[in-house]
Amino acid sequence: MKVRRANSREKILAAAAAVARETGPGSLSLDAVASRAGVSKGGLLYNFPTKAKLMQALVEDYLRAFEQALESARTAGVNGESPLATYIKLSAEHAEESKPSASWIFSAIAEDPDFLTPIKSFRRQLFERLKQETPNLRALLVCYLAIEGLRSMNLFGSDILSAEERRLLISTLLDIAE
């Protein structure tokens, strides 16, 4: 029975991610997710009692995927590249992907103030891990905060950098990281 619930949960998350990509997370409808996942709305609500919980699970899923991508890139070990450089490259790639409006984040936070807890926890753990692996704390601070600033500008639709300026920033951060 547990395997069945896990599969149902995974199907719902995959469906929610697909619907969110198509309509934007702010327009995500529980009915559309249930329909796409092939489950009843009751089945969806059993796994995710609120839309905010579903959105939180989507974010946690994204963070796990980012962590796995980071680990894969690190184990591939591009010519002795530092862990910080790997983080910068992967984060820059993710920031390049188009993002929907951040309004869904505000509604999720309004419904559940703890919505950001897993994000904060993930970022803190990632920073601590990079801190252990990066001998120069100043370089880490500059690079980490620049990447998170880039990520935030993207998320909130306030990116003012041209493609050339973005490439220059990433190149400079990679120089600092090495």
N, C-alpha and C. Protein backbone atom coordinates (compact mmCIF):
# COMPACT_ATOMS: atom_id res chain seq x y z
N MET A 1 0.82 -1.20 0.00
CA MET A 1 0.00 0.00 0.00
C MET A 1 0.86 1.26 0.00
N LYS A 2 1.97 1.25 0.74
CA LYS A 2 2.83 2.43 0.79
C LYS A 2 3.41 2.75 -0.59
N VAL A 3 3.80 1.74 -1.33
CA VAL A 3 4.35 1.96 -2.66
C VAL A 3 3.32 2.65 -3.54
N ARG A 4 2.07 2.22 -3.41
CA ARG A 4 1.00 2.80 -4.21
C ARG A 4 0.84 4.28 -3.90
N ARG A 5 0.87 4.66 -2.60
CA ARG A 5 0.74 6.06 -2.23
C ARG A 5 1.91 6.88 -2.74
N ALA A 6 3.11 6.32 -2.65
CA ALA A 6 4.29 7.04 -3.13
C ALA A 6 4.17 7.28 -4.62
N ASN A 7 3.71 6.25 -5.37
CA ASN A 7 3.54 6.42 -6.81
C ASN A 7 2.48 7.47 -7.11
N SER A 8 1.41 7.47 -6.34
CA SER A 8 0.34 8.44 -6.51
C SER A 8 0.88 9.84 -6.23
N ARG A 9 1.65 9.97 -5.19
CA ARG A 9 2.26 11.26 -4.83
C ARG A 9 3.19 11.74 -5.95
N GLU A 10 4.00 10.83 -6.48
CA GLU A 10 4.92 11.19 -7.57
C GLU A 10 4.16 11.58 -8.83
N LYS A 11 3.08 10.84 -9.12
CA LYS A 11 2.25 11.18 -10.29
C LYS A 11 1.64 12.56 -10.13
N ILE A 12 1.18 12.88 -8.93
CA ILE A 12 0.58 14.18 -8.66
C ILE A 12 1.63 15.28 -8.81
N LEU A 13 2.82 15.05 -8.27
CA LEU A 13 3.88 16.06 -8.38
C LEU A 13 4.28 16.28 -9.84
N ALA A 14 4.41 15.20 -10.59
CA ALA A 14 4.76 15.33 -12.01
C ALA A 14 3.66 16.08 -12.76
N ALA A 15 2.41 15.77 -12.45
CA ALA A 15 1.30 16.46 -13.10
C ALA A 15 1.28 17.94 -12.71
N ALA A 16 1.50 18.23 -11.43
CA ALA A 16 1.52 19.61 -10.97
C ALA A 16 2.64 20.40 -11.64
N ALA A 17 3.80 19.78 -11.78
CA ALA A 17 4.92 20.46 -12.46
C ALA A 17 4.56 20.76 -13.91
N ALA A 18 3.92 19.81 -14.58
CA ALA A 18 3.53 20.01 -15.98
C ALA A 18 2.48 21.11 -16.10
N VAL A 19 1.48 21.10 -15.23
CA VAL A 19 0.44 22.13 -15.27
C VAL A 19 1.05 23.50 -14.95
N ALA A 20 1.93 23.54 -13.96
CA ALA A 20 2.57 24.81 -13.58
C ALA A 20 3.41 25.37 -14.73
N ARG A 21 4.10 24.48 -15.47
CA ARG A 21 4.88 24.94 -16.63
C ARG A 21 3.96 25.53 -17.71
N GLU A 22 2.82 24.90 -17.89
CA GLU A 22 1.90 25.33 -18.95
C GLU A 22 1.13 26.60 -18.60
N THR A 23 0.64 26.68 -17.35
CA THR A 23 -0.24 27.79 -16.98
C THR A 23 0.42 28.79 -16.05
N GLY A 24 1.58 28.43 -15.50
CA GLY A 24 2.22 29.26 -14.48
C GLY A 24 1.75 28.79 -13.12
N PRO A 25 2.64 28.76 -12.13
CA PRO A 25 2.29 28.25 -10.81
C PRO A 25 1.13 29.02 -10.15
N GLY A 26 1.03 30.32 -10.43
CA GLY A 26 -0.04 31.12 -9.83
C GLY A 26 -1.41 30.72 -10.33
N SER A 27 -1.48 30.12 -11.51
CA SER A 27 -2.76 29.71 -12.09
C SER A 27 -3.01 28.22 -11.91
N LEU A 28 -2.18 27.57 -11.15
CA LEU A 28 -2.30 26.13 -10.95
C LEU A 28 -3.64 25.81 -10.28
N SER A 29 -4.38 24.91 -10.87
CA SER A 29 -5.67 24.51 -10.33
C SER A 29 -5.57 23.07 -9.85
N LEU A 30 -6.10 22.82 -8.65
CA LEU A 30 -6.07 21.47 -8.10
C LEU A 30 -6.86 20.51 -8.99
N ASP A 31 -7.96 20.99 -9.57
CA ASP A 31 -8.75 20.15 -10.48
C ASP A 31 -7.91 19.75 -11.69
N ALA A 32 -7.17 20.70 -12.26
CA ALA A 32 -6.33 20.41 -13.43
C ALA A 32 -5.24 19.41 -13.08
N VAL A 33 -4.65 19.57 -11.89
CA VAL A 33 -3.59 18.65 -11.45
C VAL A 33 -4.16 17.25 -11.25
N ALA A 34 -5.31 17.15 -10.58
CA ALA A 34 -5.93 15.84 -10.34
C ALA A 34 -6.25 15.17 -11.67
N SER A 35 -6.81 15.94 -12.59
CA SER A 35 -7.16 15.39 -13.90
C SER A 35 -5.91 14.90 -14.63
N ARG A 36 -4.87 15.70 -14.65
CA ARG A 36 -3.62 15.35 -15.33
C ARG A 36 -2.99 14.12 -14.70
N ALA A 37 -3.07 14.01 -13.37
CA ALA A 37 -2.45 12.89 -12.66
C ALA A 37 -3.30 11.62 -12.73
N GLY A 38 -4.55 11.78 -13.14
CA GLY A 38 -5.43 10.62 -13.21
C GLY A 38 -5.89 10.15 -11.84
N VAL A 39 -6.03 11.10 -10.91
CA VAL A 39 -6.51 10.78 -9.56
C VAL A 39 -7.72 11.65 -9.27
N SER A 40 -8.49 11.24 -8.27
CA SER A 40 -9.62 12.07 -7.86
C SER A 40 -9.10 13.28 -7.10
N LYS A 41 -9.93 14.30 -7.02
CA LYS A 41 -9.51 15.47 -6.24
C LYS A 41 -9.31 15.07 -4.78
N GLY A 42 -10.13 14.13 -4.29
CA GLY A 42 -9.95 13.62 -2.93
C GLY A 42 -8.60 12.94 -2.75
N GLY A 43 -8.18 12.20 -3.78
CA GLY A 43 -6.87 11.55 -3.74
C GLY A 43 -5.75 12.57 -3.71
N LEU A 44 -5.92 13.63 -4.47
CA LEU A 44 -4.93 14.70 -4.46
C LEU A 44 -4.87 15.34 -3.08
N LEU A 45 -6.05 15.65 -2.53
CA LEU A 45 -6.10 16.32 -1.22
C LEU A 45 -5.62 15.41 -0.09
N TYR A 46 -5.72 14.10 -0.28
CA TYR A 46 -5.17 13.17 0.70
C TYR A 46 -3.65 13.34 0.78
N ASN A 47 -3.03 13.47 -0.37
CA ASN A 47 -1.57 13.64 -0.43
C ASN A 47 -1.12 15.05 -0.12
N PHE A 48 -1.90 16.02 -0.58
CA PHE A 48 -1.56 17.44 -0.41
C PHE A 48 -2.83 18.17 0.03
N PRO A 49 -3.01 18.38 1.34
CA PRO A 49 -4.26 18.93 1.85
C PRO A 49 -4.60 20.34 1.36
N THR A 50 -3.59 21.10 0.92
CA THR A 50 -3.84 22.45 0.42
C THR A 50 -2.99 22.70 -0.82
N LYS A 51 -3.35 23.71 -1.56
CA LYS A 51 -2.57 24.09 -2.73
C LYS A 51 -1.17 24.52 -2.28
N ALA A 52 -1.09 25.20 -1.13
CA ALA A 52 0.22 25.63 -0.62
C ALA A 52 1.12 24.42 -0.33
N LYS A 53 0.54 23.34 0.20
CA LYS A 53 1.34 22.14 0.48
C LYS A 53 1.82 21.50 -0.82
N LEU A 54 0.98 21.53 -1.83
CA LEU A 54 1.38 21.02 -3.14
C LEU A 54 2.52 21.86 -3.71
N MET A 55 2.39 23.18 -3.60
CA MET A 55 3.44 24.07 -4.11
C MET A 55 4.74 23.87 -3.32
N GLN A 56 4.62 23.68 -2.02
CA GLN A 56 5.80 23.44 -1.19
C GLN A 56 6.48 22.14 -1.63
N ALA A 57 5.70 21.12 -1.91
CA ALA A 57 6.26 19.84 -2.36
C ALA A 57 6.94 20.01 -3.71
N LEU A 58 6.37 20.84 -4.58
CA LEU A 58 7.00 21.11 -5.88
C LEU A 58 8.36 21.78 -5.69
N VAL A 59 8.40 22.74 -4.78
CA VAL A 59 9.67 23.44 -4.50
C VAL A 59 10.68 22.46 -3.93
N GLU A 60 10.26 21.63 -2.98
CA GLU A 60 11.17 20.65 -2.40
C GLU A 60 11.68 19.68 -3.46
N ASP A 61 10.80 19.31 -4.38
CA ASP A 61 11.19 18.43 -5.49
C ASP A 61 12.25 19.11 -6.36
N TYR A 62 12.03 20.40 -6.65
CA TYR A 62 13.00 21.16 -7.43
C TYR A 62 14.35 21.22 -6.71
N LEU A 63 14.32 21.46 -5.40
CA LEU A 63 15.57 21.54 -4.63
C LEU A 63 16.31 20.20 -4.65
N ARG A 64 15.57 19.10 -4.53
CA ARG A 64 16.20 17.77 -4.61
C ARG A 64 16.84 17.57 -5.99
N ALA A 65 16.12 17.96 -7.02
CA ALA A 65 16.65 17.80 -8.38
C ALA A 65 17.90 18.66 -8.57
N PHE A 66 17.90 19.88 -8.02
CA PHE A 66 19.08 20.74 -8.12
C PHE A 66 20.25 20.11 -7.38
N GLU A 67 19.99 19.57 -6.20
CA GLU A 67 21.04 18.91 -5.42
C GLU A 67 21.61 17.72 -6.18
N GLN A 68 20.74 16.94 -6.82
CA GLN A 68 21.20 15.78 -7.60
C GLN A 68 22.02 16.24 -8.81
N ALA A 69 21.57 17.30 -9.47
CA ALA A 69 22.32 17.82 -10.62
C ALA A 69 23.68 18.35 -10.18
N LEU A 70 23.71 19.00 -9.03
CA LEU A 70 24.97 19.52 -8.50
C LEU A 70 25.91 18.36 -8.17
N GLU A 71 25.38 17.33 -7.55
CA GLU A 71 26.20 16.16 -7.20
C GLU A 71 26.71 15.45 -8.45
N SER A 72 25.85 15.32 -9.45
CA SER A 72 26.27 14.68 -10.72
C SER A 72 27.37 15.48 -11.39
N ALA A 73 27.21 16.80 -11.42
CA ALA A 73 28.23 17.65 -12.03
C ALA A 73 29.54 17.57 -11.26
N ARG A 74 29.44 17.48 -9.95
CA ARG A 74 30.66 17.41 -9.13
C ARG A 74 31.37 16.08 -9.32
N THR A 75 30.62 14.99 -9.40
CA THR A 75 31.27 13.69 -9.56
C THR A 75 31.82 13.52 -10.97
N ALA A 76 31.25 14.26 -11.93
CA ALA A 76 31.80 14.23 -13.29
C ALA A 76 33.17 14.91 -13.30
N GLY A 77 33.37 15.82 -12.34
CA GLY A 77 34.66 16.47 -12.12
C GLY A 77 35.35 17.01 -13.37
N VAL A 78 34.89 18.16 -13.82
CA VAL A 78 35.47 18.79 -15.01
C VAL A 78 36.86 19.36 -14.67
N ASN A 79 37.90 18.65 -15.09
CA ASN A 79 39.29 19.11 -14.95
C ASN A 79 39.61 19.76 -13.61
N GLY A 80 39.26 19.11 -12.54
CA GLY A 80 39.60 19.62 -11.22
C GLY A 80 38.87 20.89 -10.84
N GLU A 81 37.72 21.13 -11.44
CA GLU A 81 36.94 22.33 -11.15
C GLU A 81 36.54 22.35 -9.67
N SER A 82 36.59 23.51 -9.06
CA SER A 82 36.24 23.62 -7.64
C SER A 82 34.74 23.42 -7.46
N PRO A 83 34.33 22.96 -6.28
CA PRO A 83 32.90 22.81 -6.01
C PRO A 83 32.15 24.14 -6.18
N LEU A 84 32.80 25.25 -5.83
CA LEU A 84 32.16 26.57 -5.98
C LEU A 84 31.94 26.88 -7.46
N ALA A 85 32.91 26.58 -8.31
CA ALA A 85 32.76 26.81 -9.75
C ALA A 85 31.63 25.95 -10.32
N THR A 86 31.54 24.72 -9.86
CA THR A 86 30.46 23.84 -10.31
C THR A 86 29.10 24.43 -9.92
N TYR A 87 29.00 24.92 -8.68
CA TYR A 87 27.77 25.55 -8.20
C TYR A 87 27.41 26.78 -9.05
N ILE A 88 28.41 27.59 -9.36
CA ILE A 88 28.17 28.80 -10.15
C ILE A 88 27.65 28.43 -11.54
N LYS A 89 28.30 27.48 -12.20
CA LYS A 89 27.88 27.09 -13.55
C LYS A 89 26.47 26.52 -13.56
N LEU A 90 26.20 25.60 -12.65
CA LEU A 90 24.88 24.99 -12.61
C LEU A 90 23.80 26.02 -12.28
N SER A 91 24.08 26.89 -11.32
CA SER A 91 23.11 27.92 -10.95
C SER A 91 22.86 28.88 -12.10
N ALA A 92 23.91 29.23 -12.82
CA ALA A 92 23.76 30.14 -13.96
C ALA A 92 22.89 29.49 -15.03
N GLU A 93 23.08 28.20 -15.26
CA GLU A 93 22.24 27.48 -16.23
C GLU A 93 20.79 27.50 -15.80
N HIS A 94 20.54 27.25 -14.53
CA HIS A 94 19.17 27.25 -14.02
C HIS A 94 18.56 28.64 -14.08
N ALA A 95 19.36 29.67 -13.85
CA ALA A 95 18.84 31.04 -13.89
C ALA A 95 18.49 31.46 -15.32
N GLU A 96 19.11 30.85 -16.30
CA GLU A 96 18.83 31.16 -17.70
C GLU A 96 17.45 30.68 -18.12
N GLU A 97 16.96 29.62 -17.48
CA GLU A 97 15.65 29.09 -17.83
C GLU A 97 14.59 30.13 -17.49
N SER A 98 13.60 30.28 -18.37
CA SER A 98 12.56 31.27 -18.11
C SER A 98 11.74 30.84 -16.91
N LYS A 99 11.38 31.82 -16.11
CA LYS A 99 10.63 31.55 -14.90
C LYS A 99 9.29 32.27 -14.96
N PRO A 100 8.26 31.65 -14.39
CA PRO A 100 6.97 32.32 -14.34
C PRO A 100 6.97 33.41 -13.27
N SER A 101 5.95 34.20 -13.25
CA SER A 101 5.79 35.26 -12.25
C SER A 101 5.90 34.68 -10.85
N ALA A 102 6.46 35.47 -9.95
CA ALA A 102 6.65 35.01 -8.57
C ALA A 102 5.40 35.21 -7.71
N SER A 103 4.31 35.68 -8.28
CA SER A 103 3.11 35.94 -7.48
C SER A 103 2.63 34.69 -6.74
N TRP A 104 2.86 33.50 -7.31
CA TRP A 104 2.45 32.27 -6.65
C TRP A 104 3.18 32.07 -5.33
N ILE A 105 4.41 32.57 -5.24
CA ILE A 105 5.17 32.43 -3.99
C ILE A 105 4.48 33.23 -2.89
N PHE A 106 4.05 34.44 -3.24
CA PHE A 106 3.40 35.28 -2.23
C PHE A 106 2.09 34.66 -1.75
N SER A 107 1.33 34.07 -2.66
CA SER A 107 0.07 33.44 -2.23
C SER A 107 0.36 32.20 -1.40
N ALA A 108 1.40 31.45 -1.74
CA ALA A 108 1.76 30.26 -0.95
C ALA A 108 2.22 30.66 0.44
N ILE A 109 2.99 31.74 0.54
CA ILE A 109 3.46 32.22 1.85
C ILE A 109 2.29 32.71 2.68
N ALA A 110 1.33 33.41 2.04
CA ALA A 110 0.16 33.91 2.76
C ALA A 110 -0.65 32.75 3.33
N GLU A 111 -0.75 31.66 2.58
CA GLU A 111 -1.53 30.51 3.04
C GLU A 111 -0.76 29.70 4.08
N ASP A 112 0.57 29.64 3.94
CA ASP A 112 1.39 28.85 4.85
C ASP A 112 2.72 29.58 5.08
N PRO A 113 2.83 30.31 6.21
CA PRO A 113 4.05 31.08 6.48
C PRO A 113 5.33 30.25 6.52
N ASP A 114 5.21 28.94 6.71
CA ASP A 114 6.38 28.06 6.75
C ASP A 114 6.81 27.61 5.35
N PHE A 115 6.17 28.13 4.32
CA PHE A 115 6.46 27.74 2.95
C PHE A 115 7.95 27.86 2.61
N LEU A 116 8.60 28.91 3.10
CA LEU A 116 10.01 29.15 2.78
C LEU A 116 10.98 28.32 3.61
N THR A 117 10.50 27.64 4.64
CA THR A 117 11.39 26.89 5.53
C THR A 117 12.28 25.89 4.79
N PRO A 118 11.74 25.05 3.90
CA PRO A 118 12.64 24.12 3.21
C PRO A 118 13.65 24.82 2.30
N ILE A 119 13.27 25.95 1.74
CA ILE A 119 14.19 26.70 0.87
C ILE A 119 15.33 27.26 1.71
N LYS A 120 14.99 27.87 2.84
CA LYS A 120 16.02 28.41 3.74
C LYS A 120 16.96 27.31 4.22
N SER A 121 16.37 26.19 4.60
CA SER A 121 17.16 25.07 5.10
C SER A 121 18.10 24.54 4.02
N PHE A 122 17.57 24.36 2.81
CA PHE A 122 18.39 23.88 1.69
C PHE A 122 19.54 24.84 1.42
N ARG A 123 19.23 26.12 1.34
CA ARG A 123 20.29 27.10 1.04
C ARG A 123 21.34 27.16 2.14
N ARG A 124 20.91 27.04 3.38
CA ARG A 124 21.88 27.07 4.48
C ARG A 124 22.79 25.84 4.41
N GLN A 125 22.20 24.66 4.17
CA GLN A 125 23.00 23.44 4.07
C GLN A 125 23.97 23.52 2.89
N LEU A 126 23.49 24.03 1.78
CA LEU A 126 24.35 24.17 0.61
C LEU A 126 25.49 25.13 0.90
N PHE A 127 25.18 26.26 1.53
CA PHE A 127 26.22 27.22 1.87
C PHE A 127 27.25 26.61 2.82
N GLU A 128 26.79 25.88 3.84
CA GLU A 128 27.71 25.24 4.79
C GLU A 128 28.60 24.22 4.09
N ARG A 129 28.01 23.49 3.18
CA ARG A 129 28.80 22.50 2.42
C ARG A 129 29.85 23.19 1.56
N LEU A 130 29.46 24.25 0.87
CA LEU A 130 30.42 25.00 0.06
C LEU A 130 31.49 25.64 0.94
N LYS A 131 31.10 26.07 2.12
CA LYS A 131 32.05 26.69 3.05
C LYS A 131 33.13 25.69 3.47
N GLN A 132 32.74 24.43 3.66
CA GLN A 132 33.71 23.40 4.03
C GLN A 132 34.65 23.08 2.87
N GLU A 133 34.17 23.27 1.64
CA GLU A 133 34.94 22.88 0.46
C GLU A 133 35.67 24.04 -0.21
N THR A 134 35.42 25.25 0.28
CA THR A 134 36.03 26.43 -0.34
C THR A 134 36.98 27.08 0.64
N PRO A 135 38.27 27.10 0.33
CA PRO A 135 39.25 27.64 1.28
C PRO A 135 39.14 29.16 1.49
N ASN A 136 38.56 29.87 0.52
CA ASN A 136 38.49 31.32 0.61
C ASN A 136 37.05 31.75 0.89
N LEU A 137 36.77 32.08 2.17
CA LEU A 137 35.42 32.46 2.57
C LEU A 137 34.96 33.74 1.85
N ARG A 138 35.85 34.67 1.63
CA ARG A 138 35.47 35.90 0.92
C ARG A 138 34.99 35.59 -0.49
N ALA A 139 35.72 34.73 -1.18
CA ALA A 139 35.32 34.35 -2.54
C ALA A 139 33.96 33.66 -2.52
N LEU A 140 33.76 32.78 -1.55
CA LEU A 140 32.48 32.09 -1.42
C LEU A 140 31.34 33.08 -1.19
N LEU A 141 31.53 34.00 -0.27
CA LEU A 141 30.47 34.97 0.03
C LEU A 141 30.11 35.80 -1.20
N VAL A 142 31.10 36.30 -1.90
CA VAL A 142 30.84 37.12 -3.08
C VAL A 142 30.12 36.29 -4.15
N CYS A 143 30.62 35.12 -4.42
CA CYS A 143 30.03 34.28 -5.47
C CYS A 143 28.63 33.81 -5.10
N TYR A 144 28.47 33.33 -3.90
CA TYR A 144 27.17 32.82 -3.46
C TYR A 144 26.11 33.91 -3.51
N LEU A 145 26.44 35.07 -2.95
CA LEU A 145 25.45 36.15 -2.92
C LEU A 145 25.17 36.71 -4.32
N ALA A 146 26.16 36.74 -5.17
CA ALA A 146 25.92 37.19 -6.56
C ALA A 146 24.99 36.23 -7.29
N ILE A 147 25.23 34.94 -7.12
CA ILE A 147 24.37 33.94 -7.77
C ILE A 147 22.95 34.01 -7.21
N GLU A 148 22.81 34.13 -5.90
CA GLU A 148 21.47 34.22 -5.30
C GLU A 148 20.78 35.52 -5.73
N GLY A 149 21.54 36.59 -5.91
CA GLY A 149 20.96 37.83 -6.44
C GLY A 149 20.47 37.64 -7.86
N LEU A 150 21.25 36.97 -8.66
CA LEU A 150 20.86 36.65 -10.04
C LEU A 150 19.59 35.81 -10.05
N ARG A 151 19.55 34.82 -9.18
CA ARG A 151 18.39 33.94 -9.06
C ARG A 151 17.14 34.75 -8.65
N SER A 152 17.31 35.65 -7.69
CA SER A 152 16.19 36.47 -7.22
C SER A 152 15.70 37.43 -8.29
N MET A 153 16.63 38.06 -9.02
CA MET A 153 16.21 38.95 -10.10
C MET A 153 15.38 38.19 -11.12
N ASN A 154 15.81 36.99 -11.42
CA ASN A 154 15.09 36.15 -12.38
C ASN A 154 13.70 35.80 -11.86
N LEU A 155 13.64 35.36 -10.62
CA LEU A 155 12.39 34.93 -10.01
C LEU A 155 11.37 36.06 -9.97
N PHE A 156 11.82 37.25 -9.61
CA PHE A 156 10.90 38.37 -9.45
C PHE A 156 10.78 39.23 -10.71
N GLY A 157 11.32 38.74 -11.82
CA GLY A 157 11.16 39.44 -13.08
C GLY A 157 11.81 40.81 -13.09
N SER A 158 12.88 40.97 -12.34
CA SER A 158 13.55 42.28 -12.27
C SER A 158 14.98 42.21 -12.78
N ASP A 159 15.26 41.26 -13.66
CA ASP A 159 16.62 41.10 -14.20
C ASP A 159 16.90 42.26 -15.15
N ILE A 160 17.94 43.02 -14.84
CA ILE A 160 18.29 44.18 -15.64
C ILE A 160 19.55 43.96 -16.47
N LEU A 161 20.14 42.79 -16.34
CA LEU A 161 21.39 42.51 -17.04
C LEU A 161 21.15 42.08 -18.47
N SER A 162 22.01 42.59 -19.35
CA SER A 162 21.98 42.10 -20.73
C SER A 162 22.65 40.73 -20.75
N ALA A 163 22.50 40.02 -21.85
CA ALA A 163 23.14 38.70 -21.97
C ALA A 163 24.65 38.84 -21.82
N GLU A 164 25.22 39.89 -22.40
CA GLU A 164 26.67 40.11 -22.30
C GLU A 164 27.08 40.39 -20.85
N GLU A 165 26.30 41.21 -20.14
CA GLU A 165 26.62 41.51 -18.74
C GLU A 165 26.50 40.25 -17.88
N ARG A 166 25.52 39.43 -18.18
CA ARG A 166 25.34 38.18 -17.43
C ARG A 166 26.55 37.26 -17.66
N ARG A 167 26.99 37.13 -18.92
CA ARG A 167 28.17 36.31 -19.21
C ARG A 167 29.41 36.85 -18.50
N LEU A 168 29.56 38.18 -18.48
CA LEU A 168 30.70 38.80 -17.79
C LEU A 168 30.64 38.50 -16.29
N LEU A 169 29.45 38.59 -15.70
CA LEU A 169 29.30 38.29 -14.28
C LEU A 169 29.70 36.85 -13.99
N ILE A 170 29.18 35.91 -14.76
CA ILE A 170 29.49 34.50 -14.53
C ILE A 170 30.98 34.24 -14.72
N SER A 171 31.55 34.81 -15.74
CA SER A 171 32.98 34.65 -16.00
C SER A 171 33.81 35.19 -14.83
N THR A 172 33.41 36.36 -14.32
CA THR A 172 34.11 36.96 -13.19
C THR A 172 33.98 36.10 -11.94
N LEU A 173 32.77 35.58 -11.71
CA LEU A 173 32.56 34.71 -10.54
C LEU A 173 33.40 33.44 -10.65
N LEU A 174 33.49 32.89 -11.86
CA LEU A 174 34.31 31.68 -12.05
C LEU A 174 35.78 31.99 -11.81
N ASP A 175 36.25 33.17 -12.22
CA ASP A 175 37.63 33.58 -11.93
C ASP A 175 37.85 33.67 -10.42
N ILE A 176 36.90 34.25 -9.72
CA ILE A 176 37.00 34.39 -8.27
C ILE A 176 36.99 33.00 -7.61
N ALA A 177 36.17 32.11 -8.13
CA ALA A 177 36.02 30.77 -7.53
C ALA A 177 37.30 29.94 -7.67
N GLU A 178 38.07 30.16 -8.70
CA GLU A 178 39.28 29.37 -8.91
C GLU A 178 40.43 30.09 -8.28
